[in-house]
Amino acid sequence: MTKKAGQTGWEGLFASPTLGRLLAKFLTHPDSPFYQRELLNAAQAQLYAVQQALGRLERAQLVTKRPRGNRVYYQANRAHPAFEDLRRVALKTVGLGDALRSALAPVADRVLVAAIYGSLARGEDSPQSDIDLLLVGSLSLRETAALLGPIGRELGREFNITAYPPEEFRRKAKARHHFITEFLASKKIFLMGSADALAGLAG
């Protein structure tokens, strides 16, 4: 998800890193079908290793395989009895950032910066910790909460969301508002935008 240590922990649960990476891809995008070539980047592995891992996932019934035209597509099997438990583990380790980006994708044109901060960004969170998220754009707290609510319910964690219009964020940053100053100096995980974009907004 957010750091290499988390990725190593997840991948260490499986017979090969390729298997772990592919399963994480399926679990964090359960409604998306993928064909073999699309999975090569996610797996960071050679074609043979990807084929072997896909075969294992199919035999375990964690993914389904369906032909469509000249391609064969693979997709997470939501009917598998372990699906929900595995998805929660994936979201908590390797997939939270991807899941949040996907949830915000429909309003991407209204978000200049979205970043996780606080204990999760520092790598000090617990399963009960809130997920601290700051957005700069034209998205309201209510809209953001509606988009992210399903992920929070899956994780059993609350989102602590702060949203600013760009003008207000810039004004408070220049005035050295306590919260904004602390946020700018803290560790962050960027979901949308970048450190340069944030610096530009802060003026």
N, C-alpha and C. Protein backbone atom coordinates (compact mmCIF):
# COMPACT_ATOMS: atom_id res chain seq x y z
N MET A 1 0.81 -1.19 0.00
CA MET A 1 0.00 0.00 0.00
C MET A 1 0.84 1.24 0.00
N THR A 2 1.27 1.53 1.18
CA THR A 2 1.85 2.83 1.36
C THR A 2 3.35 2.83 1.55
N LYS A 3 3.90 1.64 1.75
CA LYS A 3 5.34 1.60 2.00
C LYS A 3 5.83 0.19 1.72
N LYS A 4 7.09 0.07 1.50
CA LYS A 4 7.66 -1.23 1.14
C LYS A 4 7.49 -2.26 2.23
N ALA A 5 7.58 -1.81 3.50
CA ALA A 5 7.45 -2.78 4.59
C ALA A 5 6.11 -3.48 4.53
N GLY A 6 5.03 -2.71 4.23
CA GLY A 6 3.71 -3.30 4.13
C GLY A 6 3.65 -4.30 2.99
N GLN A 7 4.26 -3.97 1.88
CA GLN A 7 4.24 -4.86 0.74
C GLN A 7 4.98 -6.16 1.06
N THR A 8 6.13 -6.05 1.71
CA THR A 8 6.89 -7.24 2.05
C THR A 8 6.09 -8.14 2.97
N GLY A 9 5.39 -7.57 3.97
CA GLY A 9 4.59 -8.35 4.90
C GLY A 9 3.49 -9.12 4.19
N TRP A 10 2.79 -8.46 3.27
CA TRP A 10 1.73 -9.12 2.50
C TRP A 10 2.30 -10.22 1.63
N GLU A 11 3.33 -9.90 0.87
CA GLU A 11 3.88 -10.88 -0.07
C GLU A 11 4.46 -12.08 0.66
N GLY A 12 4.95 -11.87 1.88
CA GLY A 12 5.52 -12.96 2.65
C GLY A 12 4.52 -14.02 3.06
N LEU A 13 3.21 -13.72 2.89
CA LEU A 13 2.19 -14.70 3.22
C LEU A 13 2.03 -15.77 2.14
N PHE A 14 2.63 -15.53 0.97
CA PHE A 14 2.37 -16.39 -0.19
C PHE A 14 3.62 -17.10 -0.66
N ALA A 15 3.40 -18.10 -1.50
CA ALA A 15 4.50 -18.91 -1.98
C ALA A 15 5.47 -18.12 -2.83
N SER A 16 5.01 -17.04 -3.47
CA SER A 16 5.89 -16.20 -4.27
C SER A 16 5.39 -14.77 -4.24
N PRO A 17 6.30 -13.79 -4.37
CA PRO A 17 5.85 -12.39 -4.44
C PRO A 17 4.88 -12.15 -5.58
N THR A 18 5.08 -12.84 -6.70
CA THR A 18 4.19 -12.68 -7.86
C THR A 18 2.76 -13.04 -7.48
N LEU A 19 2.60 -14.14 -6.78
CA LEU A 19 1.26 -14.57 -6.35
C LEU A 19 0.63 -13.52 -5.44
N GLY A 20 1.40 -12.99 -4.50
CA GLY A 20 0.89 -11.98 -3.59
C GLY A 20 0.49 -10.70 -4.31
N ARG A 21 1.30 -10.27 -5.25
CA ARG A 21 0.99 -9.03 -5.98
C ARG A 21 -0.26 -9.19 -6.83
N LEU A 22 -0.38 -10.33 -7.50
CA LEU A 22 -1.55 -10.55 -8.33
C LEU A 22 -2.82 -10.61 -7.49
N LEU A 23 -2.76 -11.33 -6.38
CA LEU A 23 -3.95 -11.43 -5.53
C LEU A 23 -4.33 -10.06 -4.99
N ALA A 24 -3.35 -9.26 -4.62
CA ALA A 24 -3.65 -7.90 -4.15
C ALA A 24 -4.35 -7.09 -5.23
N LYS A 25 -3.90 -7.24 -6.47
CA LYS A 25 -4.53 -6.53 -7.59
C LYS A 25 -5.99 -6.94 -7.73
N PHE A 26 -6.26 -8.23 -7.68
CA PHE A 26 -7.64 -8.70 -7.82
C PHE A 26 -8.51 -8.25 -6.64
N LEU A 27 -7.97 -8.33 -5.43
CA LEU A 27 -8.76 -8.02 -4.25
C LEU A 27 -9.08 -6.53 -4.14
N THR A 28 -8.18 -5.69 -4.61
CA THR A 28 -8.42 -4.25 -4.51
C THR A 28 -9.18 -3.70 -5.70
N HIS A 29 -9.37 -4.53 -6.74
CA HIS A 29 -10.20 -4.15 -7.90
C HIS A 29 -11.12 -5.33 -8.24
N PRO A 30 -11.99 -5.71 -7.29
CA PRO A 30 -12.73 -6.96 -7.44
C PRO A 30 -13.74 -6.97 -8.58
N ASP A 31 -14.14 -5.81 -9.05
CA ASP A 31 -15.14 -5.75 -10.12
C ASP A 31 -14.53 -5.54 -11.49
N SER A 32 -13.20 -5.58 -11.56
CA SER A 32 -12.52 -5.34 -12.83
C SER A 32 -11.93 -6.65 -13.38
N PRO A 33 -12.25 -6.99 -14.62
CA PRO A 33 -11.60 -8.14 -15.25
C PRO A 33 -10.27 -7.70 -15.89
N PHE A 34 -9.27 -8.55 -15.82
CA PHE A 34 -7.95 -8.23 -16.37
C PHE A 34 -7.51 -9.35 -17.32
N TYR A 35 -6.91 -8.98 -18.42
CA TYR A 35 -6.31 -10.02 -19.24
C TYR A 35 -4.82 -10.11 -18.90
N GLN A 36 -4.22 -11.19 -19.32
CA GLN A 36 -2.89 -11.57 -18.86
C GLN A 36 -1.85 -10.46 -18.98
N ARG A 37 -1.82 -9.81 -20.14
CA ARG A 37 -0.81 -8.78 -20.36
C ARG A 37 -0.98 -7.60 -19.40
N GLU A 38 -2.24 -7.32 -19.03
CA GLU A 38 -2.49 -6.21 -18.09
C GLU A 38 -1.91 -6.51 -16.71
N LEU A 39 -1.77 -7.78 -16.39
CA LEU A 39 -1.32 -8.17 -15.06
C LEU A 39 0.20 -8.21 -14.92
N LEU A 40 0.91 -8.11 -16.02
CA LEU A 40 2.37 -8.19 -15.95
C LEU A 40 2.97 -7.05 -15.13
N ASN A 41 2.46 -5.83 -15.35
CA ASN A 41 2.99 -4.69 -14.58
C ASN A 41 2.67 -4.83 -13.11
N ALA A 42 1.45 -5.24 -12.79
CA ALA A 42 1.07 -5.42 -11.39
C ALA A 42 1.94 -6.47 -10.71
N ALA A 43 2.27 -7.51 -11.45
CA ALA A 43 3.05 -8.61 -10.87
C ALA A 43 4.54 -8.32 -10.80
N GLN A 44 5.03 -7.41 -11.65
CA GLN A 44 6.46 -7.12 -11.73
C GLN A 44 7.25 -8.41 -11.94
N ALA A 45 6.75 -9.22 -12.86
CA ALA A 45 7.36 -10.54 -13.07
C ALA A 45 7.28 -10.91 -14.55
N GLN A 46 7.98 -11.97 -14.90
CA GLN A 46 7.97 -12.47 -16.27
C GLN A 46 6.65 -13.21 -16.55
N LEU A 47 6.35 -13.36 -17.82
CA LEU A 47 5.09 -13.95 -18.24
C LEU A 47 4.89 -15.35 -17.65
N TYR A 48 5.94 -16.17 -17.66
CA TYR A 48 5.80 -17.54 -17.15
C TYR A 48 5.39 -17.54 -15.67
N ALA A 49 6.03 -16.66 -14.88
CA ALA A 49 5.71 -16.60 -13.45
C ALA A 49 4.27 -16.13 -13.24
N VAL A 50 3.82 -15.19 -14.07
CA VAL A 50 2.44 -14.69 -13.97
C VAL A 50 1.47 -15.82 -14.32
N GLN A 51 1.77 -16.58 -15.36
CA GLN A 51 0.90 -17.69 -15.76
C GLN A 51 0.81 -18.74 -14.65
N GLN A 52 1.96 -19.03 -14.03
CA GLN A 52 1.97 -20.01 -12.93
C GLN A 52 1.11 -19.53 -11.77
N ALA A 53 1.27 -18.24 -11.40
CA ALA A 53 0.51 -17.69 -10.28
C ALA A 53 -0.98 -17.65 -10.59
N LEU A 54 -1.33 -17.27 -11.82
CA LEU A 54 -2.74 -17.24 -12.20
C LEU A 54 -3.35 -18.64 -12.13
N GLY A 55 -2.58 -19.63 -12.53
CA GLY A 55 -3.07 -21.00 -12.44
C GLY A 55 -3.35 -21.42 -11.00
N ARG A 56 -2.47 -21.02 -10.10
CA ARG A 56 -2.67 -21.36 -8.68
C ARG A 56 -3.90 -20.66 -8.12
N LEU A 57 -4.07 -19.38 -8.47
CA LEU A 57 -5.23 -18.63 -7.99
C LEU A 57 -6.53 -19.20 -8.54
N GLU A 58 -6.49 -19.65 -9.79
CA GLU A 58 -7.68 -20.24 -10.38
C GLU A 58 -8.01 -21.58 -9.72
N ARG A 59 -6.99 -22.38 -9.48
CA ARG A 59 -7.24 -23.68 -8.84
C ARG A 59 -7.76 -23.50 -7.42
N ALA A 60 -7.34 -22.43 -6.75
CA ALA A 60 -7.83 -22.15 -5.41
C ALA A 60 -9.20 -21.48 -5.44
N GLN A 61 -9.70 -21.22 -6.65
CA GLN A 61 -11.01 -20.58 -6.87
C GLN A 61 -11.08 -19.17 -6.30
N LEU A 62 -9.92 -18.52 -6.17
CA LEU A 62 -9.88 -17.12 -5.74
C LEU A 62 -10.10 -16.18 -6.91
N VAL A 63 -9.85 -16.67 -8.13
CA VAL A 63 -10.16 -15.89 -9.33
C VAL A 63 -10.93 -16.78 -10.30
N THR A 64 -11.70 -16.14 -11.16
CA THR A 64 -12.40 -16.85 -12.22
C THR A 64 -11.76 -16.48 -13.56
N LYS A 65 -11.89 -17.37 -14.52
CA LYS A 65 -11.31 -17.16 -15.85
C LYS A 65 -12.41 -17.28 -16.89
N ARG A 66 -12.51 -16.25 -17.74
CA ARG A 66 -13.55 -16.25 -18.77
C ARG A 66 -12.97 -15.78 -20.09
N PRO A 67 -13.22 -16.52 -21.17
CA PRO A 67 -12.80 -16.06 -22.50
C PRO A 67 -13.73 -14.97 -22.99
N ARG A 68 -13.16 -14.01 -23.67
CA ARG A 68 -13.95 -12.95 -24.29
C ARG A 68 -13.26 -12.56 -25.59
N GLY A 69 -13.83 -12.93 -26.70
CA GLY A 69 -13.18 -12.71 -27.97
C GLY A 69 -11.90 -13.53 -28.05
N ASN A 70 -10.81 -12.86 -28.39
CA ASN A 70 -9.52 -13.54 -28.49
C ASN A 70 -8.72 -13.50 -27.19
N ARG A 71 -9.32 -12.97 -26.14
CA ARG A 71 -8.59 -12.85 -24.87
C ARG A 71 -9.26 -13.65 -23.76
N VAL A 72 -8.47 -13.99 -22.77
CA VAL A 72 -8.98 -14.63 -21.56
C VAL A 72 -8.85 -13.63 -20.42
N TYR A 73 -9.94 -13.41 -19.71
CA TYR A 73 -9.95 -12.44 -18.63
C TYR A 73 -10.04 -13.14 -17.27
N TYR A 74 -9.34 -12.56 -16.30
CA TYR A 74 -9.34 -13.06 -14.93
C TYR A 74 -9.95 -12.00 -14.01
N GLN A 75 -10.72 -12.47 -13.02
CA GLN A 75 -11.37 -11.55 -12.11
C GLN A 75 -11.50 -12.19 -10.74
N ALA A 76 -11.48 -11.36 -9.69
CA ALA A 76 -11.65 -11.87 -8.34
C ALA A 76 -12.98 -12.60 -8.22
N ASN A 77 -12.99 -13.66 -7.45
CA ASN A 77 -14.20 -14.45 -7.21
C ASN A 77 -14.81 -14.00 -5.88
N ARG A 78 -15.79 -13.12 -5.96
CA ARG A 78 -16.44 -12.60 -4.75
C ARG A 78 -17.18 -13.70 -3.98
N ALA A 79 -17.51 -14.79 -4.65
CA ALA A 79 -18.25 -15.86 -3.99
C ALA A 79 -17.37 -16.76 -3.13
N HIS A 80 -16.05 -16.59 -3.22
CA HIS A 80 -15.15 -17.42 -2.42
C HIS A 80 -15.38 -17.12 -0.94
N PRO A 81 -15.47 -18.13 -0.09
CA PRO A 81 -15.76 -17.89 1.33
C PRO A 81 -14.72 -17.01 2.05
N ALA A 82 -13.49 -16.97 1.54
CA ALA A 82 -12.46 -16.16 2.19
C ALA A 82 -12.30 -14.78 1.55
N PHE A 83 -13.14 -14.48 0.56
CA PHE A 83 -12.94 -13.23 -0.19
C PHE A 83 -12.95 -12.00 0.70
N GLU A 84 -13.97 -11.84 1.52
CA GLU A 84 -14.09 -10.62 2.31
C GLU A 84 -12.93 -10.48 3.30
N ASP A 85 -12.55 -11.58 3.94
CA ASP A 85 -11.44 -11.52 4.90
C ASP A 85 -10.13 -11.16 4.20
N LEU A 86 -9.89 -11.79 3.05
CA LEU A 86 -8.67 -11.49 2.31
C LEU A 86 -8.66 -10.04 1.81
N ARG A 87 -9.82 -9.55 1.38
CA ARG A 87 -9.90 -8.18 0.89
C ARG A 87 -9.59 -7.18 2.00
N ARG A 88 -10.10 -7.44 3.19
CA ARG A 88 -9.81 -6.54 4.31
C ARG A 88 -8.31 -6.50 4.59
N VAL A 89 -7.67 -7.68 4.58
CA VAL A 89 -6.23 -7.73 4.82
C VAL A 89 -5.48 -6.97 3.73
N ALA A 90 -5.89 -7.17 2.47
CA ALA A 90 -5.22 -6.48 1.35
C ALA A 90 -5.37 -4.98 1.46
N LEU A 91 -6.57 -4.52 1.79
CA LEU A 91 -6.79 -3.08 1.93
C LEU A 91 -5.95 -2.49 3.05
N LYS A 92 -5.80 -3.23 4.12
CA LYS A 92 -5.05 -2.72 5.26
C LYS A 92 -3.54 -2.72 5.01
N THR A 93 -3.09 -3.52 4.04
CA THR A 93 -1.64 -3.63 3.82
C THR A 93 -1.22 -3.01 2.50
N VAL A 94 -1.57 -3.63 1.39
CA VAL A 94 -1.05 -3.16 0.10
C VAL A 94 -2.01 -2.31 -0.69
N GLY A 95 -3.31 -2.33 -0.37
CA GLY A 95 -4.26 -1.78 -1.30
C GLY A 95 -5.02 -0.53 -0.91
N LEU A 96 -4.79 0.04 0.27
CA LEU A 96 -5.61 1.16 0.70
C LEU A 96 -5.47 2.36 -0.25
N GLY A 97 -4.24 2.69 -0.61
CA GLY A 97 -4.03 3.84 -1.49
C GLY A 97 -4.75 3.68 -2.81
N ASP A 98 -4.66 2.47 -3.41
CA ASP A 98 -5.34 2.21 -4.68
C ASP A 98 -6.86 2.31 -4.52
N ALA A 99 -7.37 1.78 -3.41
CA ALA A 99 -8.82 1.80 -3.19
C ALA A 99 -9.32 3.23 -3.03
N LEU A 100 -8.57 4.06 -2.32
CA LEU A 100 -8.99 5.45 -2.14
C LEU A 100 -8.91 6.23 -3.45
N ARG A 101 -7.86 5.99 -4.22
CA ARG A 101 -7.75 6.67 -5.52
C ARG A 101 -8.92 6.28 -6.42
N SER A 102 -9.28 5.01 -6.41
CA SER A 102 -10.40 4.55 -7.23
C SER A 102 -11.71 5.21 -6.78
N ALA A 103 -11.89 5.33 -5.47
CA ALA A 103 -13.11 5.94 -4.95
C ALA A 103 -13.20 7.42 -5.33
N LEU A 104 -12.06 8.10 -5.38
CA LEU A 104 -12.05 9.53 -5.71
C LEU A 104 -11.98 9.80 -7.21
N ALA A 105 -11.74 8.76 -8.00
CA ALA A 105 -11.56 8.95 -9.44
C ALA A 105 -12.72 9.68 -10.12
N PRO A 106 -13.99 9.41 -9.74
CA PRO A 106 -15.10 10.11 -10.42
C PRO A 106 -15.08 11.63 -10.22
N VAL A 107 -14.38 12.12 -9.19
CA VAL A 107 -14.34 13.56 -8.92
C VAL A 107 -12.91 14.09 -9.03
N ALA A 108 -12.06 13.37 -9.77
CA ALA A 108 -10.65 13.75 -9.86
C ALA A 108 -10.46 15.17 -10.39
N ASP A 109 -11.38 15.62 -11.25
CA ASP A 109 -11.24 16.96 -11.82
C ASP A 109 -11.54 18.05 -10.80
N ARG A 110 -12.05 17.65 -9.64
CA ARG A 110 -12.38 18.63 -8.59
C ARG A 110 -11.43 18.57 -7.41
N VAL A 111 -10.43 17.72 -7.50
CA VAL A 111 -9.46 17.55 -6.41
C VAL A 111 -8.07 17.91 -6.91
N LEU A 112 -7.44 18.91 -6.30
CA LEU A 112 -6.08 19.29 -6.67
C LEU A 112 -5.05 18.46 -5.90
N VAL A 113 -5.32 18.24 -4.63
CA VAL A 113 -4.43 17.43 -3.79
C VAL A 113 -5.29 16.62 -2.83
N ALA A 114 -4.97 15.35 -2.69
CA ALA A 114 -5.56 14.50 -1.65
C ALA A 114 -4.42 13.73 -1.02
N ALA A 115 -4.28 13.82 0.29
CA ALA A 115 -3.14 13.18 0.95
C ALA A 115 -3.53 12.63 2.31
N ILE A 116 -3.04 11.44 2.60
CA ILE A 116 -3.17 10.84 3.93
C ILE A 116 -2.02 11.38 4.79
N TYR A 117 -2.33 11.71 6.03
CA TYR A 117 -1.30 12.16 6.96
C TYR A 117 -1.55 11.48 8.31
N GLY A 118 -0.85 11.88 9.33
CA GLY A 118 -1.08 11.31 10.65
C GLY A 118 -0.42 9.97 10.84
N SER A 119 -1.00 9.14 11.73
CA SER A 119 -0.35 7.89 12.15
C SER A 119 -0.16 6.92 10.99
N LEU A 120 -1.11 6.87 10.06
CA LEU A 120 -0.97 5.94 8.93
C LEU A 120 0.21 6.34 8.05
N ALA A 121 0.35 7.63 7.77
CA ALA A 121 1.47 8.10 6.94
C ALA A 121 2.80 7.88 7.63
N ARG A 122 2.80 7.96 8.96
CA ARG A 122 4.04 7.74 9.72
C ARG A 122 4.34 6.26 9.93
N GLY A 123 3.40 5.39 9.58
CA GLY A 123 3.59 3.96 9.82
C GLY A 123 3.39 3.57 11.26
N GLU A 124 2.60 4.37 12.01
CA GLU A 124 2.40 4.13 13.43
C GLU A 124 0.95 3.80 13.76
N ASP A 125 0.15 3.51 12.75
CA ASP A 125 -1.28 3.29 12.99
C ASP A 125 -1.54 1.90 13.54
N SER A 126 -2.70 1.76 14.16
CA SER A 126 -3.19 0.46 14.62
C SER A 126 -4.48 0.16 13.86
N PRO A 127 -5.00 -1.06 13.96
CA PRO A 127 -6.25 -1.37 13.25
C PRO A 127 -7.42 -0.49 13.66
N GLN A 128 -7.33 0.17 14.82
CA GLN A 128 -8.40 1.02 15.30
C GLN A 128 -8.18 2.50 14.96
N SER A 129 -7.02 2.85 14.40
CA SER A 129 -6.71 4.25 14.14
C SER A 129 -7.61 4.84 13.06
N ASP A 130 -7.97 6.12 13.25
CA ASP A 130 -8.65 6.84 12.18
C ASP A 130 -7.68 7.03 11.01
N ILE A 131 -8.24 7.17 9.81
CA ILE A 131 -7.44 7.48 8.63
C ILE A 131 -7.59 8.97 8.36
N ASP A 132 -6.52 9.72 8.56
CA ASP A 132 -6.54 11.17 8.41
C ASP A 132 -6.30 11.53 6.94
N LEU A 133 -7.22 12.29 6.37
CA LEU A 133 -7.16 12.62 4.95
C LEU A 133 -7.46 14.10 4.75
N LEU A 134 -6.58 14.78 4.02
CA LEU A 134 -6.80 16.19 3.68
C LEU A 134 -6.95 16.34 2.19
N LEU A 135 -7.96 17.10 1.78
CA LEU A 135 -8.20 17.37 0.36
C LEU A 135 -8.21 18.88 0.13
N VAL A 136 -7.66 19.27 -0.99
CA VAL A 136 -7.75 20.66 -1.46
C VAL A 136 -8.44 20.63 -2.81
N GLY A 137 -9.58 21.29 -2.90
CA GLY A 137 -10.33 21.29 -4.15
C GLY A 137 -11.73 21.82 -3.92
N SER A 138 -12.65 21.42 -4.78
CA SER A 138 -14.02 21.92 -4.69
C SER A 138 -14.98 20.83 -4.21
N LEU A 139 -14.47 19.90 -3.45
CA LEU A 139 -15.26 18.77 -2.95
C LEU A 139 -15.64 19.04 -1.50
N SER A 140 -16.91 18.86 -1.16
CA SER A 140 -17.36 19.10 0.21
C SER A 140 -17.06 17.90 1.10
N LEU A 141 -17.13 18.12 2.40
CA LEU A 141 -16.94 17.01 3.35
C LEU A 141 -18.01 15.94 3.14
N ARG A 142 -19.23 16.37 2.91
CA ARG A 142 -20.32 15.40 2.74
C ARG A 142 -20.08 14.53 1.51
N GLU A 143 -19.69 15.14 0.40
CA GLU A 143 -19.43 14.38 -0.82
C GLU A 143 -18.27 13.41 -0.61
N THR A 144 -17.21 13.89 0.04
CA THR A 144 -16.05 13.03 0.27
C THR A 144 -16.40 11.85 1.15
N ALA A 145 -17.15 12.12 2.23
CA ALA A 145 -17.55 11.05 3.14
C ALA A 145 -18.41 10.01 2.43
N ALA A 146 -19.28 10.45 1.53
CA ALA A 146 -20.12 9.51 0.79
C ALA A 146 -19.30 8.62 -0.12
N LEU A 147 -18.24 9.17 -0.73
CA LEU A 147 -17.40 8.40 -1.64
C LEU A 147 -16.54 7.39 -0.88
N LEU A 148 -16.05 7.79 0.29
CA LEU A 148 -15.11 6.94 1.02
C LEU A 148 -15.78 6.05 2.06
N GLY A 149 -17.05 6.31 2.33
CA GLY A 149 -17.74 5.55 3.37
C GLY A 149 -17.69 4.04 3.19
N PRO A 150 -17.93 3.52 1.96
CA PRO A 150 -17.89 2.06 1.79
C PRO A 150 -16.54 1.45 2.16
N ILE A 151 -15.44 2.15 1.84
CA ILE A 151 -14.12 1.62 2.18
C ILE A 151 -13.93 1.61 3.69
N GLY A 152 -14.36 2.69 4.35
CA GLY A 152 -14.26 2.75 5.80
C GLY A 152 -15.03 1.62 6.47
N ARG A 153 -16.21 1.32 5.94
CA ARG A 153 -17.02 0.25 6.52
C ARG A 153 -16.35 -1.10 6.31
N GLU A 154 -15.73 -1.30 5.15
CA GLU A 154 -15.02 -2.57 4.91
C GLU A 154 -13.86 -2.74 5.88
N LEU A 155 -13.17 -1.63 6.15
CA LEU A 155 -12.01 -1.70 7.04
C LEU A 155 -12.38 -1.66 8.51
N GLY A 156 -13.59 -1.19 8.81
CA GLY A 156 -13.96 -0.98 10.20
C GLY A 156 -13.21 0.19 10.82
N ARG A 157 -12.89 1.21 9.97
CA ARG A 157 -12.14 2.37 10.46
C ARG A 157 -12.84 3.65 10.01
N GLU A 158 -12.65 4.69 10.80
CA GLU A 158 -13.25 5.98 10.50
C GLU A 158 -12.27 6.84 9.70
N PHE A 159 -12.83 7.67 8.81
CA PHE A 159 -12.03 8.67 8.12
C PHE A 159 -12.16 10.00 8.84
N ASN A 160 -11.04 10.64 9.08
CA ASN A 160 -11.01 11.99 9.62
C ASN A 160 -10.66 12.91 8.45
N ILE A 161 -11.68 13.50 7.84
CA ILE A 161 -11.50 14.23 6.58
C ILE A 161 -11.49 15.73 6.82
N THR A 162 -10.52 16.39 6.24
CA THR A 162 -10.46 17.86 6.23
C THR A 162 -10.41 18.30 4.77
N ALA A 163 -11.30 19.20 4.40
CA ALA A 163 -11.37 19.66 3.01
C ALA A 163 -11.31 21.18 2.96
N TYR A 164 -10.48 21.70 2.06
CA TYR A 164 -10.33 23.14 1.88
C TYR A 164 -10.50 23.51 0.41
N PRO A 165 -11.19 24.61 0.13
CA PRO A 165 -11.08 25.20 -1.20
C PRO A 165 -9.65 25.74 -1.37
N PRO A 166 -9.13 25.80 -2.58
CA PRO A 166 -7.74 26.24 -2.79
C PRO A 166 -7.44 27.61 -2.17
N GLU A 167 -8.38 28.55 -2.31
CA GLU A 167 -8.12 29.91 -1.80
C GLU A 167 -7.98 29.91 -0.28
N GLU A 168 -8.84 29.15 0.40
CA GLU A 168 -8.76 29.09 1.86
C GLU A 168 -7.47 28.41 2.32
N PHE A 169 -7.11 27.34 1.63
CA PHE A 169 -5.87 26.63 1.99
C PHE A 169 -4.67 27.57 1.83
N ARG A 170 -4.62 28.28 0.71
CA ARG A 170 -3.49 29.20 0.47
C ARG A 170 -3.46 30.31 1.52
N ARG A 171 -4.61 30.84 1.82
CA ARG A 171 -4.68 31.92 2.81
C ARG A 171 -4.20 31.45 4.18
N LYS A 172 -4.63 30.30 4.60
CA LYS A 172 -4.24 29.78 5.92
C LYS A 172 -2.77 29.38 5.94
N ALA A 173 -2.28 28.86 4.81
CA ALA A 173 -0.86 28.50 4.75
C ALA A 173 0.01 29.75 4.88
N LYS A 174 -0.37 30.81 4.21
CA LYS A 174 0.42 32.06 4.29
C LYS A 174 0.33 32.69 5.67
N ALA A 175 -0.81 32.47 6.34
CA ALA A 175 -0.98 33.00 7.69
C ALA A 175 -0.35 32.08 8.74
N ARG A 176 0.25 30.99 8.29
CA ARG A 176 0.89 30.02 9.17
C ARG A 176 -0.10 29.46 10.21
N HIS A 177 -1.29 29.15 9.71
CA HIS A 177 -2.29 28.49 10.54
C HIS A 177 -1.69 27.22 11.13
N HIS A 178 -1.94 27.00 12.43
CA HIS A 178 -1.26 25.91 13.15
C HIS A 178 -1.45 24.56 12.47
N PHE A 179 -2.69 24.19 12.17
CA PHE A 179 -2.94 22.88 11.58
C PHE A 179 -2.28 22.75 10.21
N ILE A 180 -2.43 23.78 9.38
CA ILE A 180 -1.85 23.72 8.02
C ILE A 180 -0.33 23.64 8.09
N THR A 181 0.27 24.39 9.00
CA THR A 181 1.72 24.36 9.15
C THR A 181 2.20 22.98 9.55
N GLU A 182 1.49 22.36 10.50
CA GLU A 182 1.85 21.00 10.92
C GLU A 182 1.65 20.00 9.79
N PHE A 183 0.56 20.14 9.05
CA PHE A 183 0.30 19.24 7.93
C PHE A 183 1.39 19.35 6.88
N LEU A 184 1.79 20.56 6.53
CA LEU A 184 2.80 20.75 5.49
C LEU A 184 4.14 20.13 5.90
N ALA A 185 4.43 20.14 7.20
CA ALA A 185 5.71 19.60 7.68
C ALA A 185 5.67 18.10 7.94
N SER A 186 4.48 17.51 7.89
CA SER A 186 4.34 16.10 8.27
C SER A 186 4.59 15.17 7.10
N LYS A 187 4.74 13.88 7.41
CA LYS A 187 4.81 12.86 6.37
C LYS A 187 3.44 12.69 5.75
N LYS A 188 3.43 12.47 4.45
CA LYS A 188 2.16 12.37 3.72
C LYS A 188 2.23 11.25 2.68
N ILE A 189 1.08 10.68 2.38
CA ILE A 189 0.93 9.73 1.28
C ILE A 189 -0.02 10.38 0.28
N PHE A 190 0.50 10.75 -0.88
CA PHE A 190 -0.31 11.46 -1.85
C PHE A 190 -1.17 10.48 -2.66
N LEU A 191 -2.46 10.71 -2.63
CA LEU A 191 -3.40 9.94 -3.43
C LEU A 191 -3.67 10.64 -4.75
N MET A 192 -3.72 11.96 -4.70
CA MET A 192 -3.87 12.79 -5.89
C MET A 192 -2.99 14.02 -5.70
N GLY A 193 -2.48 14.54 -6.82
CA GLY A 193 -1.55 15.65 -6.70
C GLY A 193 -0.17 15.16 -6.27
N SER A 194 0.65 16.09 -5.83
CA SER A 194 2.02 15.76 -5.50
C SER A 194 2.56 16.79 -4.50
N ALA A 195 3.78 16.54 -4.01
CA ALA A 195 4.40 17.50 -3.09
C ALA A 195 4.59 18.85 -3.79
N ASP A 196 4.95 18.84 -5.06
CA ASP A 196 5.13 20.10 -5.78
C ASP A 196 3.80 20.84 -5.92
N ALA A 197 2.74 20.10 -6.23
CA ALA A 197 1.42 20.74 -6.34
C ALA A 197 0.99 21.34 -5.01
N LEU A 198 1.27 20.63 -3.93
CA LEU A 198 0.91 21.13 -2.60
C LEU A 198 1.71 22.39 -2.28
N ALA A 199 3.00 22.37 -2.59
CA ALA A 199 3.83 23.56 -2.34
C ALA A 199 3.32 24.76 -3.15
N GLY A 200 2.89 24.51 -4.37
CA GLY A 200 2.35 25.59 -5.19
C GLY A 200 1.06 26.17 -4.60
N LEU A 201 0.21 25.30 -4.06
CA LEU A 201 -1.02 25.77 -3.43
C LEU A 201 -0.75 26.57 -2.17
N ALA A 202 0.30 26.17 -1.44
CA ALA A 202 0.65 26.86 -0.19
C ALA A 202 1.27 28.22 -0.46
N GLY A 203 1.70 28.42 -1.70
CA GLY A 203 2.28 29.72 -2.06
C GLY A 203 3.71 29.87 -1.58
